[in-house]
């Protein structure tokens, strides 16, 4: 799957059936049987992906995924 070049969300959805489209070109993926969620922004024209958020399903229910941004944890 590393060589997939999706032109739009419908093509992505055909391969990743658990993907859901939300605001601002953001896509949510369910990971490990829906234990985790990954929110990314995909710009299909430029084949670019930005990670916006990653966490447990319980944490996902507490954030506004249409506007949340990735924050690097301090070490």
Protein backbone atom coordinates (compact mmCIF):
# COMPACT_ATOMS: atom_id res chain seq x y z
CA UNK A 1 0.00 0.00 0.00
CA UNK A 2 2.97 2.36 0.18
CA UNK A 3 2.63 3.10 -3.53
CA UNK A 4 -1.08 4.01 -3.52
CA UNK A 5 -1.85 7.28 -5.27
CA UNK A 6 -5.42 8.12 -4.47
CA UNK A 7 -6.98 10.87 -6.56
CA UNK A 8 -9.90 11.46 -4.20
CA UNK A 9 -11.58 10.26 -1.03
CA UNK A 10 -13.70 7.69 -2.87
CA UNK A 11 -10.58 5.90 -4.12
CA UNK A 12 -9.09 5.93 -0.62
CA UNK A 13 -12.36 4.63 0.88
CA UNK A 14 -12.39 1.72 -1.58
CA UNK A 15 -9.10 0.51 -0.05
CA UNK A 16 -9.57 1.72 3.54
CA UNK A 17 -13.23 1.05 4.20
CA UNK A 18 -13.04 2.29 7.79
CA UNK A 19 -11.98 5.81 6.75
CA UNK A 20 -14.43 8.66 7.36
CA UNK A 21 -14.32 12.12 5.80
CA UNK A 22 -14.77 15.11 8.11
CA UNK A 23 -14.25 18.89 7.76
CA UNK A 24 -11.25 20.60 6.11
CA UNK A 25 -10.22 17.58 4.00
CA UNK A 26 -9.68 15.59 7.20
CA UNK A 27 -9.97 11.84 7.27
CA UNK A 28 -10.39 9.67 10.37
CA UNK A 29 -9.01 6.13 10.39
CA UNK A 30 -10.03 3.50 12.94
CA UNK A 31 -6.97 1.53 14.03
CA UNK A 32 -6.64 -1.80 15.86
CA UNK A 33 -10.31 -2.69 15.86
CA UNK A 34 -11.40 0.88 16.66
CA UNK A 35 -9.20 1.12 19.80
CA UNK A 36 -7.33 4.09 18.31
CA UNK A 37 -8.16 6.91 15.92
CA UNK A 38 -5.87 8.73 13.51
CA UNK A 39 -6.97 12.09 12.07
CA UNK A 40 -5.10 13.37 9.03
CA UNK A 41 -5.58 16.14 6.49
CA UNK A 42 -5.18 14.89 2.94
CA UNK A 43 -4.65 17.14 -0.06
CA UNK A 44 -5.13 14.69 -2.91
CA UNK A 45 -4.01 17.15 -5.60
CA UNK A 46 -0.55 17.46 -4.02
CA UNK A 47 -0.48 13.92 -2.55
CA UNK A 48 0.23 15.46 0.85
CA UNK A 49 -0.78 14.18 4.29
CA UNK A 50 -0.60 16.07 7.58
CA UNK A 51 -1.11 14.25 10.88
CA UNK A 52 -3.60 16.27 12.92
CA UNK A 53 -4.33 13.98 15.86
CA UNK A 54 -3.78 10.44 17.17
CA UNK A 55 -5.17 8.81 20.31
CA UNK A 56 -7.53 6.32 21.84
CA UNK A 57 -11.17 6.13 20.91
CA UNK A 58 -12.08 7.53 24.36
CA UNK A 59 -9.74 10.52 23.83
CA UNK A 60 -11.20 11.03 20.35
CA UNK A 61 -14.63 11.51 21.90
CA UNK A 62 -13.22 14.43 23.94
CA UNK A 63 -11.65 16.50 21.11
CA UNK A 64 -13.03 18.62 18.29
CA UNK A 65 -11.40 16.73 15.42
CA UNK A 66 -12.49 19.18 12.74
CA UNK A 67 -10.11 21.81 14.17
CA UNK A 68 -7.62 20.07 16.50
CA UNK A 69 -3.91 20.26 15.68
CA UNK A 70 -1.09 17.84 16.38
CA UNK A 71 0.95 18.86 19.43
CA UNK A 72 4.32 17.29 20.03
CA UNK A 73 4.75 16.09 23.60
CA UNK A 74 7.63 17.62 25.51
CA UNK A 75 10.32 15.15 26.56
